[in-house]
Amino acid sequence: MTTFPTLDPELAAALTMLPKVDFADLPNARATYDALIGAMLADLSFDGVSLRELSAPGLDGDPEVTIRFFTPDNTAGPVPVLLWIHGGGFAIGTAESSDPFCVEVARELGFAVANEEYRLAPETSFPGPVNDCYAALLYIHAHAEELGVDPSRIAVGGQSAGGGLAAGTVLKARDEGVVPVAFQFLEIPELDDRLATVSMTNFVDTPLWHRPNAILSWKYYLGESYSGPEDPDVSIYAAPSRATDLTGLPPTYLSTMELDPLRDEGIEYALRLLQAGVSVELHSFPGTFHGSALVATAAVSERGAAEALTALRRGLRSLSPVS
């Protein structure tokens, strides 16, 4: 693997402990990722937080969508809610993999978190996964009173491919005009199937995520009819970077990592949101790579986690929804 002079020393020291995820062997990639997450979940405490499973009707006859719904204990009155979408290149991972983050948000911020289980590619290609996310959003909004959440303080967020699905869901919500999303929270999002940025072109062997994996993830997600980056029929709900109109979207927090092929598409999306009149907080963390937050004890990872909670607290407590 190429050496990277700007790699954070704490992260560099942990590289040998991180798994290699190869999307060319999807069954092995899924097993490797699930084993890693299983070890992380083994000692997770749910103290101060309640968890129950909800089922939301799928769109247009699709299967029901399972939602892992976290609420803080001992709260009074409707609370803000984050619809959270896990990462995994559209093809690996589970909602449960995000339980540590969901517990932290519920416990530390006093928010509810709706952590939804979308169908994975390639078994289910677009629009199935983003429709699952939108179905969960509709359900949370429609059932806000019985769930004890504030329908005017709904955020949609996700990490990596989940960030791309979150951005697509928010675009769909804007266009459908049913759910007023108050805040958009995009961590290291996967947004652009065209794979033409400098970071996507150059980072072919970065840790955990690189251009070869990105190519395959888009092929899996966009399905057999996808003809490649020049395909004119790719929906903006699948690849939000293709959207030409970003007006009317909610205030946004977006983070990127320096040594990540997705870096530049995230930064460009944030800039285009700003140019469209959307309030944006953009953080690009130095010396990091895609998924480096797995090294949770590194100082830069701790800073990133703290910034994320600060952004959510500010976004859902002080911002009104965009109509």
C-alpha atoms as a PDB file:
ATOM      1  CA  MET A   1       0.000   0.000   0.000  1.00  0.00           C
ATOM      2  CA  THR A   2       1.124   3.534  -0.710  1.00  0.00           C
ATOM      3  CA  THR A   3       2.400   5.509   2.249  1.00  0.00           C
ATOM      4  CA  PHE A   4       0.694   8.807   2.994  1.00  0.00           C
ATOM      5  CA  PRO A   5       2.924  11.515   4.506  1.00  0.00           C
ATOM      6  CA  THR A   6       0.007  13.441   5.992  1.00  0.00           C
ATOM      7  CA  LEU A   7      -1.578  10.432   7.724  1.00  0.00           C
ATOM      8  CA  ASP A   8      -2.203  11.102  11.401  1.00  0.00           C
ATOM      9  CA  PRO A   9       0.419   9.197  13.454  1.00  0.00           C
ATOM     10  CA  GLU A  10      -2.164   7.700  15.812  1.00  0.00           C
ATOM     11  CA  LEU A  11      -4.149   6.387  12.870  1.00  0.00           C
ATOM     12  CA  ALA A  12      -1.020   5.104  11.113  1.00  0.00           C
ATOM     13  CA  ALA A  13      -0.121   3.059  14.184  1.00  0.00           C
ATOM     14  CA  ALA A  14      -3.522   1.339  14.072  1.00  0.00           C
ATOM     15  CA  LEU A  15      -3.583   0.467  10.365  1.00  0.00           C
ATOM     16  CA  THR A  16      -2.440  -3.125  10.810  1.00  0.00           C
ATOM     17  CA  MET A  17      -5.423  -3.796  13.091  1.00  0.00           C
ATOM     18  CA  LEU A  18      -8.020  -2.698  10.542  1.00  0.00           C
ATOM     19  CA  PRO A  19      -9.645  -5.203   8.183  1.00  0.00           C
ATOM     20  CA  LYS A  20      -9.311  -5.145   4.411  1.00  0.00           C
ATOM     21  CA  VAL A  21     -12.729  -4.854   2.790  1.00  0.00           C
ATOM     22  CA  ASP A  22     -12.775  -5.892  -0.870  1.00  0.00           C
ATOM     23  CA  PHE A  23     -16.038  -5.308  -2.722  1.00  0.00           C
ATOM     24  CA  ALA A  24     -14.893  -7.674  -5.473  1.00  0.00           C
ATOM     25  CA  ASP A  25     -15.632 -10.456  -2.969  1.00  0.00           C
ATOM     26  CA  LEU A  26     -18.886  -9.218  -1.492  1.00  0.00           C
ATOM     27  CA  PRO A  27     -19.698 -12.242   0.729  1.00  0.00           C
ATOM     28  CA  ASN A  28     -16.285 -11.981   2.357  1.00  0.00           C
ATOM     29  CA  ALA A  29     -16.589  -8.203   2.648  1.00  0.00           C
ATOM     30  CA  ARG A  30     -19.903  -8.605   4.455  1.00  0.00           C
ATOM     31  CA  ALA A  31     -18.529 -11.268   6.785  1.00  0.00           C
ATOM     32  CA  THR A  32     -15.417  -9.215   7.567  1.00  0.00           C
ATOM     33  CA  TYR A  33     -17.450  -6.107   8.321  1.00  0.00           C
ATOM     34  CA  ASP A  34     -20.023  -7.967  10.415  1.00  0.00           C
ATOM     35  CA  ALA A  35     -17.263  -9.585  12.488  1.00  0.00           C
ATOM     36  CA  LEU A  36     -15.665  -6.197  13.136  1.00  0.00           C
ATOM     37  CA  ILE A  37     -18.967  -4.645  14.168  1.00  0.00           C
ATOM     38  CA  GLY A  38     -19.898  -7.652  16.286  1.00  0.00           C
ATOM     39  CA  ALA A  39     -16.789  -7.156  18.365  1.00  0.00           C
ATOM     40  CA  MET A  40     -17.622  -3.475  18.808  1.00  0.00           C
ATOM     41  CA  LEU A  41     -21.183  -4.217  19.906  1.00  0.00           C
ATOM     42  CA  ALA A  42     -20.260  -6.889  22.435  1.00  0.00           C
ATOM     43  CA  ASP A  43     -19.921  -4.522  25.385  1.00  0.00           C
ATOM     44  CA  LEU A  44     -22.344  -1.784  24.335  1.00  0.00           C
ATOM     45  CA  SER A  45     -24.344  -0.406  27.271  1.00  0.00           C
ATOM     46  CA  PHE A  46     -27.894   0.811  26.749  1.00  0.00           C
ATOM     47  CA  ASP A  47     -28.050   2.512  30.148  1.00  0.00           C
ATOM     48  CA  GLY A  48     -30.249   5.595  30.007  1.00  0.00           C
ATOM     49  CA  VAL A  49     -31.726   4.640  26.644  1.00  0.00           C
ATOM     50  CA  SER A  50     -34.723   2.555  25.562  1.00  0.00           C
ATOM     51  CA  LEU A  51     -34.804   0.583  22.299  1.00  0.00           C
ATOM     52  CA  ARG A  52     -37.782  -0.861  20.464  1.00  0.00           C
ATOM     53  CA  GLU A  53     -38.376  -2.048  16.915  1.00  0.00           C
ATOM     54  CA  LEU A  54     -40.921  -0.375  14.666  1.00  0.00           C
ATOM     55  CA  SER A  55     -42.209  -1.435  11.252  1.00  0.00           C
ATOM     56  CA  ALA A  56     -42.951   1.180   8.616  1.00  0.00           C
ATOM     57  CA  PRO A  57     -44.983   0.368   5.485  1.00  0.00           C
ATOM     58  CA  GLY A  58     -42.810   0.181   2.400  1.00  0.00           C
ATOM     59  CA  LEU A  59     -43.420   2.455  -0.566  1.00  0.00           C
ATOM     60  CA  ASP A  60     -45.593   1.195  -3.418  1.00  0.00           C
ATOM     61  CA  GLY A  61     -45.950  -2.326  -2.054  1.00  0.00           C
ATOM     62  CA  ASP A  62     -42.319  -2.734  -0.996  1.00  0.00           C
ATOM     63  CA  PRO A  63     -41.597  -4.809   2.125  1.00  0.00           C
ATOM     64  CA  GLU A  64     -41.977  -3.206   5.538  1.00  0.00           C
ATOM     65  CA  VAL A  65     -38.989  -1.245   6.796  1.00  0.00           C
ATOM     66  CA  THR A  66     -37.612  -2.103  10.228  1.00  0.00           C
ATOM     67  CA  ILE A  67     -36.649   0.850  12.428  1.00  0.00           C
ATOM     68  CA  ARG A  68     -34.541   0.512  15.562  1.00  0.00           C
ATOM     69  CA  PHE A  69     -36.056   3.335  17.600  1.00  0.00           C
ATOM     70  CA  PHE A  70     -33.964   4.768  20.435  1.00  0.00           C
ATOM     71  CA  THR A  71     -35.374   7.157  23.027  1.00  0.00           C
ATOM     72  CA  PRO A  72     -33.701   8.741  26.050  1.00  0.00           C
ATOM     73  CA  ASP A  73     -35.095   7.725  29.411  1.00  0.00           C
ATOM     74  CA  ASN A  74     -36.848  10.249  31.649  1.00  0.00           C
ATOM     75  CA  THR A  75     -37.704  12.843  29.039  1.00  0.00           C
ATOM     76  CA  ALA A  76     -40.761  15.064  29.058  1.00  0.00           C
ATOM     77  CA  GLY A  77     -42.484  16.420  25.983  1.00  0.00           C
ATOM     78  CA  PRO A  78     -41.757  15.863  22.304  1.00  0.00           C
ATOM     79  CA  VAL A  79     -38.045  15.484  21.551  1.00  0.00           C
ATOM     80  CA  PRO A  80     -36.094  16.060  18.342  1.00  0.00           C
ATOM     81  CA  VAL A  81     -35.489  12.960  16.232  1.00  0.00           C
ATOM     82  CA  LEU A  82     -32.682  11.888  13.917  1.00  0.00           C
ATOM     83  CA  LEU A  83     -33.458   9.457  11.105  1.00  0.00           C
ATOM     84  CA  TRP A  84     -30.133   7.643  10.810  1.00  0.00           C
ATOM     85  CA  ILE A  85     -28.895   5.624   7.801  1.00  0.00           C
ATOM     86  CA  HIS A  86     -25.912   3.304   8.176  1.00  0.00           C
ATOM     87  CA  GLY A  87     -22.967   3.117   5.784  1.00  0.00           C
ATOM     88  CA  GLY A  88     -21.427   0.232   3.878  1.00  0.00           C
ATOM     89  CA  GLY A  89     -21.073   1.134   0.215  1.00  0.00           C
ATOM     90  CA  PHE A  90     -24.798   0.401  -0.357  1.00  0.00           C
ATOM     91  CA  ALA A  91     -23.971  -3.313  -0.128  1.00  0.00           C
ATOM     92  CA  ILE A  92     -22.782  -4.242   3.375  1.00  0.00           C
ATOM     93  CA  GLY A  93     -23.656  -3.407   6.960  1.00  0.00           C
ATOM     94  CA  THR A  94     -26.752  -3.370   9.128  1.00  0.00           C
ATOM     95  CA  ALA A  95     -28.709  -0.842  11.125  1.00  0.00           C
ATOM     96  CA  GLU A  96     -27.414  -2.510  14.291  1.00  0.00           C
ATOM     97  CA  SER A  97     -23.876  -1.523  13.306  1.00  0.00           C
ATOM     98  CA  SER A  98     -24.845   2.076  14.143  1.00  0.00           C
ATOM     99  CA  ASP A  99     -26.215   1.286  17.602  1.00  0.00           C
ATOM    100  CA  PRO A 100     -23.229   2.832  19.449  1.00  0.00           C
ATOM    101  CA  PHE A 101     -23.738   6.163  17.700  1.00  0.00           C
ATOM    102  CA  CYS A 102     -27.509   6.044  18.178  1.00  0.00           C
ATOM    103  CA  VAL A 103     -27.128   5.324  21.900  1.00  0.00           C
ATOM    104  CA  GLU A 104     -24.704   8.218  22.235  1.00  0.00           C
ATOM    105  CA  VAL A 105     -27.044  10.667  20.489  1.00  0.00           C
ATOM    106  CA  ALA A 106     -30.013   9.585  22.609  1.00  0.00           C
ATOM    107  CA  ARG A 107     -28.053   9.585  25.860  1.00  0.00           C
ATOM    108  CA  GLU A 108     -25.936  12.719  25.382  1.00  0.00           C
ATOM    109  CA  LEU A 109     -28.353  14.946  23.455  1.00  0.00           C
ATOM    110  CA  GLY A 110     -31.730  13.703  24.672  1.00  0.00           C
ATOM    111  CA  PHE A 111     -32.893  13.087  21.092  1.00  0.00           C
ATOM    112  CA  ALA A 112     -34.772  10.117  19.663  1.00  0.00           C
ATOM    113  CA  VAL A 113     -33.001   8.215  16.891  1.00  0.00           C
ATOM    114  CA  ALA A 114     -34.776   6.195  14.200  1.00  0.00           C
ATOM    115  CA  ASN A 115     -32.094   3.846  12.905  1.00  0.00           C
ATOM    116  CA  GLU A 116     -33.544   2.206   9.822  1.00  0.00           C
ATOM    117  CA  GLU A 117     -32.733  -1.039   8.011  1.00  0.00           C
ATOM    118  CA  TYR A 118     -32.740  -0.497   4.261  1.00  0.00           C
ATOM    119  CA  ARG A 119     -32.396  -3.306   1.736  1.00  0.00           C
ATOM    120  CA  LEU A 120     -28.870  -3.802   0.436  1.00  0.00           C
ATOM    121  CA  ALA A 121     -27.532  -3.841  -3.110  1.00  0.00           C
ATOM    122  CA  PRO A 122     -26.986  -5.683  -5.362  1.00  0.00           C
ATOM    123  CA  GLU A 123     -29.951  -7.809  -4.246  1.00  0.00           C
ATOM    124  CA  THR A 124     -31.998  -4.604  -4.144  1.00  0.00           C
ATOM    125  CA  SER A 125     -30.767  -1.857  -6.439  1.00  0.00           C
ATOM    126  CA  PHE A 126     -31.958   1.738  -6.713  1.00  0.00           C
ATOM    127  CA  PRO A 127     -34.613   2.941  -6.024  1.00  0.00           C
ATOM    128  CA  GLY A 128     -35.266   0.276  -3.371  1.00  0.00           C
ATOM    129  CA  PRO A 129     -32.786   1.439  -0.695  1.00  0.00           C
ATOM    130  CA  VAL A 130     -33.637   5.141  -0.887  1.00  0.00           C
ATOM    131  CA  ASN A 131     -37.355   4.316  -0.978  1.00  0.00           C
ATOM    132  CA  ASP A 132     -36.867   2.405   2.269  1.00  0.00           C
ATOM    133  CA  CYS A 133     -35.251   5.478   3.802  1.00  0.00           C
ATOM    134  CA  TYR A 134     -38.039   7.744   2.604  1.00  0.00           C
ATOM    135  CA  ALA A 135     -40.677   5.304   3.886  1.00  0.00           C
ATOM    136  CA  ALA A 136     -39.058   5.460   7.333  1.00  0.00           C
ATOM    137  CA  LEU A 137     -39.073   9.264   7.193  1.00  0.00           C
ATOM    138  CA  LEU A 138     -42.770   9.350   6.277  1.00  0.00           C
ATOM    139  CA  TYR A 139     -43.582   6.976   9.121  1.00  0.00           C
ATOM    140  CA  ILE A 140     -41.695   8.957  11.760  1.00  0.00           C
ATOM    141  CA  HIS A 141     -43.369  12.167  10.663  1.00  0.00           C
ATOM    142  CA  ALA A 142     -46.874  10.677  10.480  1.00  0.00           C
ATOM    143  CA  HIS A 143     -46.552   8.981  13.881  1.00  0.00           C
ATOM    144  CA  ALA A 144     -44.685  11.787  15.637  1.00  0.00           C
ATOM    145  CA  GLU A 145     -47.248  12.284  18.393  1.00  0.00           C
ATOM    146  CA  GLU A 146     -47.435   8.638  19.452  1.00  0.00           C
ATOM    147  CA  LEU A 147     -43.627   8.313  19.228  1.00  0.00           C
ATOM    148  CA  GLY A 148     -43.119  11.403  21.387  1.00  0.00           C
ATOM    149  CA  VAL A 149     -41.098  13.311  18.814  1.00  0.00           C
ATOM    150  CA  ASP A 150     -41.362  16.841  17.486  1.00  0.00           C
ATOM    151  CA  PRO A 151     -42.384  16.775  13.797  1.00  0.00           C
ATOM    152  CA  SER A 152     -40.803  20.207  13.289  1.00  0.00           C
ATOM    153  CA  ARG A 153     -37.391  18.963  14.465  1.00  0.00           C
ATOM    154  CA  ILE A 154     -36.617  15.966  12.260  1.00  0.00           C
ATOM    155  CA  ALA A 155     -33.062  15.523  10.988  1.00  0.00           C
ATOM    156  CA  VAL A 156     -31.949  13.054   8.343  1.00  0.00           C
ATOM    157  CA  GLY A 157     -28.385  11.811   8.542  1.00  0.00           C
ATOM    158  CA  GLY A 158     -26.069   9.049   7.515  1.00  0.00           C
ATOM    159  CA  GLN A 159     -22.486   8.012   7.091  1.00  0.00           C
ATOM    160  CA  SER A 160     -20.673   7.068   3.871  1.00  0.00           C
ATOM    161  CA  ALA A 161     -23.226   5.394   1.568  1.00  0.00           C
ATOM    162  CA  GLY A 162     -25.725   6.190   4.319  1.00  0.00           C
ATOM    163  CA  GLY A 163     -24.795   9.837   3.847  1.00  0.00           C
ATOM    164  CA  GLY A 164     -25.563   9.513   0.157  1.00  0.00           C
ATOM    165  CA  LEU A 165     -28.884   7.858   0.951  1.00  0.00           C
ATOM    166  CA  ALA A 166     -29.613  10.615   3.462  1.00  0.00           C
ATOM    167  CA  ALA A 167     -28.911  13.310   0.865  1.00  0.00           C
ATOM    168  CA  GLY A 168     -31.127  11.516  -1.649  1.00  0.00           C
ATOM    169  CA  THR A 169     -33.887  11.165   0.935  1.00  0.00           C
ATOM    170  CA  VAL A 170     -33.727  14.862   1.781  1.00  0.00           C
ATOM    171  CA  LEU A 171     -33.902  15.798  -1.904  1.00  0.00           C
ATOM    172  CA  LYS A 172     -36.962  13.570  -2.268  1.00  0.00           C
ATOM    173  CA  ALA A 173     -38.533  15.086   0.845  1.00  0.00           C
ATOM    174  CA  ARG A 174     -38.014  18.570  -0.570  1.00  0.00           C
ATOM    175  CA  ASP A 175     -39.580  17.612  -3.886  1.00  0.00           C
ATOM    176  CA  GLU A 176     -42.513  15.689  -2.401  1.00  0.00           C
ATOM    177  CA  GLY A 177     -43.300  18.444   0.116  1.00  0.00           C
ATOM    178  CA  VAL A 178     -44.733  16.137   2.792  1.00  0.00           C
ATOM    179  CA  VAL A 179     -42.060  16.083   5.516  1.00  0.00           C
ATOM    180  CA  PRO A 180     -40.300  19.323   6.513  1.00  0.00           C
ATOM    181  CA  VAL A 181     -36.757  18.147   7.253  1.00  0.00           C
ATOM    182  CA  ALA A 182     -35.132  20.550   9.701  1.00  0.00           C
ATOM    183  CA  PHE A 183     -31.500  19.470   9.396  1.00  0.00           C
ATOM    184  CA  GLN A 184     -29.267  17.372   7.161  1.00  0.00           C
ATOM    185  CA  PHE A 185     -26.294  15.529   8.672  1.00  0.00           C
ATOM    186  CA  LEU A 186     -23.882  14.029   6.134  1.00  0.00           C
ATOM    187  CA  GLU A 187     -20.764  12.244   7.374  1.00  0.00           C
ATOM    188  CA  ILE A 188     -18.182  11.278   4.703  1.00  0.00           C
ATOM    189  CA  PRO A 189     -21.033  10.918   2.170  1.00  0.00           C
ATOM    190  CA  GLU A 190     -20.941   8.887  -1.053  1.00  0.00           C
ATOM    191  CA  LEU A 191     -22.703  11.190  -3.498  1.00  0.00           C
ATOM    192  CA  ASP A 192     -21.367  10.921  -7.049  1.00  0.00           C
ATOM    193  CA  ASP A 193     -21.297   7.888  -9.346  1.00  0.00           C
ATOM    194  CA  ARG A 194     -19.256   9.745 -11.970  1.00  0.00           C
ATOM    195  CA  LEU A 195     -16.014   9.167 -10.019  1.00  0.00           C
ATOM    196  CA  ALA A 196     -14.236  12.117 -11.628  1.00  0.00           C
ATOM    197  CA  THR A 197     -12.898  14.191  -8.710  1.00  0.00           C
ATOM    198  CA  VAL A 198      -9.190  14.487  -7.936  1.00  0.00           C
ATOM    199  CA  SER A 199      -9.487  12.531  -4.696  1.00  0.00           C
ATOM    200  CA  MET A 200     -11.515   9.760  -6.350  1.00  0.00           C
ATOM    201  CA  THR A 201      -9.020   9.541  -9.208  1.00  0.00           C
ATOM    202  CA  ASN A 202      -5.915   9.538  -7.002  1.00  0.00           C
ATOM    203  CA  PHE A 203      -6.889   7.415  -4.003  1.00  0.00           C
ATOM    204  CA  VAL A 204      -6.777   3.914  -5.445  1.00  0.00           C
ATOM    205  CA  ASP A 205      -5.325   2.120  -2.396  1.00  0.00           C
ATOM    206  CA  THR A 206      -6.257   4.154   0.667  1.00  0.00           C
ATOM    207  CA  PRO A 207      -7.217   2.246   3.837  1.00  0.00           C
ATOM    208  CA  LEU A 208     -10.704   0.718   4.099  1.00  0.00           C
ATOM    209  CA  TRP A 209     -12.140   2.571   1.089  1.00  0.00           C
ATOM    210  CA  HIS A 210     -10.640   3.322  -2.303  1.00  0.00           C
ATOM    211  CA  ARG A 211     -11.550   3.880  -5.935  1.00  0.00           C
ATOM    212  CA  PRO A 212     -11.926   0.156  -6.885  1.00  0.00           C
ATOM    213  CA  ASN A 213     -14.442  -0.346  -4.075  1.00  0.00           C
ATOM    214  CA  ALA A 214     -16.291   2.830  -5.036  1.00  0.00           C
ATOM    215  CA  ILE A 215     -16.639   1.701  -8.651  1.00  0.00           C
ATOM    216  CA  LEU A 216     -18.157  -1.599  -7.574  1.00  0.00           C
ATOM    217  CA  SER A 217     -20.447  -0.038  -4.981  1.00  0.00           C
ATOM    218  CA  TRP A 218     -22.078   2.171  -7.620  1.00  0.00           C
ATOM    219  CA  LYS A 219     -22.439  -0.764 -10.009  1.00  0.00           C
ATOM    220  CA  TYR A 220     -24.141  -2.775  -7.286  1.00  0.00           C
ATOM    221  CA  TYR A 221     -26.403   0.098  -6.267  1.00  0.00           C
ATOM    222  CA  LEU A 222     -27.457   1.344  -9.698  1.00  0.00           C
ATOM    223  CA  GLY A 223     -28.131  -2.133 -11.061  1.00  0.00           C
ATOM    224  CA  GLU A 224     -27.857  -3.935 -14.359  1.00  0.00           C
ATOM    225  CA  SER A 225     -29.308  -1.086 -16.416  1.00  0.00           C
ATOM    226  CA  TYR A 226     -26.524   1.288 -15.335  1.00  0.00           C
ATOM    227  CA  SER A 227     -24.219   2.075 -18.230  1.00  0.00           C
ATOM    228  CA  GLY A 228     -21.536   3.945 -16.296  1.00  0.00           C
ATOM    229  CA  PRO A 229     -20.587   7.510 -15.369  1.00  0.00           C
ATOM    230  CA  GLU A 230     -21.907   8.866 -18.663  1.00  0.00           C
ATOM    231  CA  ASP A 231     -25.366   7.365 -18.072  1.00  0.00           C
ATOM    232  CA  PRO A 232     -27.831  10.261 -18.445  1.00  0.00           C
ATOM    233  CA  ASP A 233     -30.615   8.458 -16.612  1.00  0.00           C
ATOM    234  CA  VAL A 234     -29.093   8.304 -13.123  1.00  0.00           C
ATOM    235  CA  SER A 235     -31.549   9.838 -10.642  1.00  0.00           C
ATOM    236  CA  ILE A 236     -30.558  12.674  -8.346  1.00  0.00           C
ATOM    237  CA  TYR A 237     -32.035  10.603  -5.522  1.00  0.00           C
ATOM    238  CA  ALA A 238     -29.420   7.930  -6.263  1.00  0.00           C
ATOM    239  CA  ALA A 239     -26.450  10.247  -6.876  1.00  0.00           C
ATOM    240  CA  PRO A 240     -27.262  13.604  -5.227  1.00  0.00           C
ATOM    241  CA  SER A 241     -24.210  15.291  -6.783  1.00  0.00           C
ATOM    242  CA  ARG A 242     -26.082  15.129 -10.092  1.00  0.00           C
ATOM    243  CA  ALA A 243     -28.782  17.460  -8.765  1.00  0.00           C
ATOM    244  CA  THR A 244     -28.655  20.834 -10.521  1.00  0.00           C
ATOM    245  CA  ASP A 245     -30.982  22.573  -8.058  1.00  0.00           C
ATOM    246  CA  LEU A 246     -30.039  22.460  -4.371  1.00  0.00           C
ATOM    247  CA  THR A 247     -32.254  25.327  -3.260  1.00  0.00           C
ATOM    248  CA  GLY A 248     -34.757  24.767  -0.488  1.00  0.00           C
ATOM    249  CA  LEU A 249     -32.708  22.123   1.294  1.00  0.00           C
ATOM    250  CA  PRO A 250     -32.304  22.268   5.085  1.00  0.00           C
ATOM    251  CA  PRO A 251     -29.256  23.514   6.975  1.00  0.00           C
ATOM    252  CA  THR A 252     -26.485  20.960   6.693  1.00  0.00           C
ATOM    253  CA  TYR A 253     -23.480  19.580   8.520  1.00  0.00           C
ATOM    254  CA  LEU A 254     -21.051  17.754   6.228  1.00  0.00           C
ATOM    255  CA  SER A 255     -17.749  16.104   7.131  1.00  0.00           C
ATOM    256  CA  THR A 256     -14.979  14.696   4.960  1.00  0.00           C
ATOM    257  CA  MET A 257     -11.673  12.935   5.564  1.00  0.00           C
ATOM    258  CA  GLU A 258      -8.415  14.064   3.975  1.00  0.00           C
ATOM    259  CA  LEU A 259      -7.267  10.706   2.550  1.00  0.00           C
ATOM    260  CA  ASP A 260     -10.661   9.556   1.315  1.00  0.00           C
ATOM    261  CA  PRO A 261     -11.660   9.164  -2.334  1.00  0.00           C
ATOM    262  CA  LEU A 262     -15.046  10.639  -1.354  1.00  0.00           C
ATOM    263  CA  ARG A 263     -13.432  13.802   0.025  1.00  0.00           C
ATOM    264  CA  ASP A 264     -13.812  16.104  -2.952  1.00  0.00           C
ATOM    265  CA  GLU A 265     -17.386  15.157  -3.863  1.00  0.00           C
ATOM    266  CA  GLY A 266     -18.386  15.941  -0.281  1.00  0.00           C
ATOM    267  CA  ILE A 267     -16.630  19.305  -0.294  1.00  0.00           C
ATOM    268  CA  GLU A 268     -18.058  20.178  -3.698  1.00  0.00           C
ATOM    269  CA  TYR A 269     -21.566  19.288  -2.546  1.00  0.00           C
ATOM    270  CA  ALA A 270     -21.165  21.490   0.511  1.00  0.00           C
ATOM    271  CA  LEU A 271     -19.966  24.385  -1.651  1.00  0.00           C
ATOM    272  CA  ARG A 272     -22.878  23.971  -4.033  1.00  0.00           C
ATOM    273  CA  LEU A 273     -25.306  23.950  -1.105  1.00  0.00           C
ATOM    274  CA  LEU A 274     -23.778  27.206   0.124  1.00  0.00           C
ATOM    275  CA  GLN A 275     -24.052  28.702  -3.356  1.00  0.00           C
ATOM    276  CA  ALA A 276     -27.737  27.698  -3.379  1.00  0.00           C
ATOM    277  CA  GLY A 277     -28.337  29.663  -0.187  1.00  0.00           C
ATOM    278  CA  VAL A 278     -28.252  26.729   2.239  1.00  0.00           C
ATOM    279  CA  SER A 279     -26.533  27.202   5.597  1.00  0.00           C
ATOM    280  CA  VAL A 280     -23.653  24.706   5.777  1.00  0.00           C
ATOM    281  CA  GLU A 281     -21.055  23.680   8.321  1.00  0.00           C
ATOM    282  CA  LEU A 282     -18.206  21.830   6.580  1.00  0.00           C
ATOM    283  CA  HIS A 283     -15.425  19.993   8.365  1.00  0.00           C
ATOM    284  CA  SER A 284     -12.553  18.273   6.560  1.00  0.00           C
ATOM    285  CA  PHE A 285     -10.463  16.422   9.104  1.00  0.00           C
ATOM    286  CA  PRO A 286      -6.691  16.319   8.467  1.00  0.00           C
ATOM    287  CA  GLY A 287      -4.673  13.125   8.431  1.00  0.00           C
ATOM    288  CA  THR A 288      -7.764  10.923   8.352  1.00  0.00           C
ATOM    289  CA  PHE A 289      -9.100   8.282   5.968  1.00  0.00           C
ATOM    290  CA  HIS A 290     -12.533   6.865   5.234  1.00  0.00           C
ATOM    291  CA  GLY A 291     -13.661   4.993   8.322  1.00  0.00           C
ATOM    292  CA  SER A 292     -10.745   6.130  10.452  1.00  0.00           C
ATOM    293  CA  ALA A 293     -13.243   6.950  13.207  1.00  0.00           C
ATOM    294  CA  LEU A 294     -13.093   3.209  13.962  1.00  0.00           C
ATOM    295  CA  VAL A 295      -9.852   4.128  15.738  1.00  0.00           C
ATOM    296  CA  ALA A 296     -11.993   5.859  18.327  1.00  0.00           C
ATOM    297  CA  THR A 297      -9.176   6.672  20.759  1.00  0.00           C
ATOM    298  CA  ALA A 298      -7.222   8.794  18.262  1.00  0.00           C
ATOM    299  CA  ALA A 299      -7.421  12.482  19.118  1.00  0.00           C
ATOM    300  CA  VAL A 300      -8.730  13.421  15.666  1.00  0.00           C
ATOM    301  CA  SER A 301     -11.481  10.781  15.971  1.00  0.00           C
ATOM    302  CA  GLU A 302     -12.490  12.121  19.369  1.00  0.00           C
ATOM    303  CA  ARG A 303     -12.639  15.613  17.920  1.00  0.00           C
ATOM    304  CA  GLY A 304     -14.757  14.430  15.006  1.00  0.00           C
ATOM    305  CA  ALA A 305     -17.204  12.664  17.330  1.00  0.00           C
ATOM    306  CA  ALA A 306     -17.511  15.762  19.510  1.00  0.00           C
ATOM    307  CA  GLU A 307     -18.071  18.013  16.488  1.00  0.00           C
ATOM    308  CA  ALA A 308     -20.827  15.701  15.236  1.00  0.00           C
ATOM    309  CA  LEU A 309     -22.742  15.893  18.510  1.00  0.00           C
ATOM    310  CA  THR A 310     -22.287  19.662  18.659  1.00  0.00           C
ATOM    311  CA  ALA A 311     -23.637  20.029  15.121  1.00  0.00           C
ATOM    312  CA  LEU A 312     -26.682  17.878  15.873  1.00  0.00           C
ATOM    313  CA  ARG A 313     -27.406  19.742  19.107  1.00  0.00           C
ATOM    314  CA  ARG A 314     -27.225  23.087  17.329  1.00  0.00           C
ATOM    315  CA  GLY A 315     -29.110  21.894  14.271  1.00  0.00           C
ATOM    316  CA  LEU A 316     -32.130  20.432  15.999  1.00  0.00           C
ATOM    317  CA  ARG A 317     -32.458  22.748  18.972  1.00  0.00           C
ATOM    318  CA  SER A 318     -32.007  26.119  17.309  1.00  0.00           C
ATOM    319  CA  LEU A 319     -33.045  25.747  13.682  1.00  0.00           C
ATOM    320  CA  SER A 320     -36.589  25.863  12.387  1.00  0.00           C
ATOM    321  CA  PRO A 321     -37.609  23.564   9.529  1.00  0.00           C
ATOM    322  CA  VAL A 322     -37.337  24.631   5.923  1.00  0.00           C
ATOM    323  CA  SER A 323     -40.704  24.858   4.202  1.00  0.00           C
END
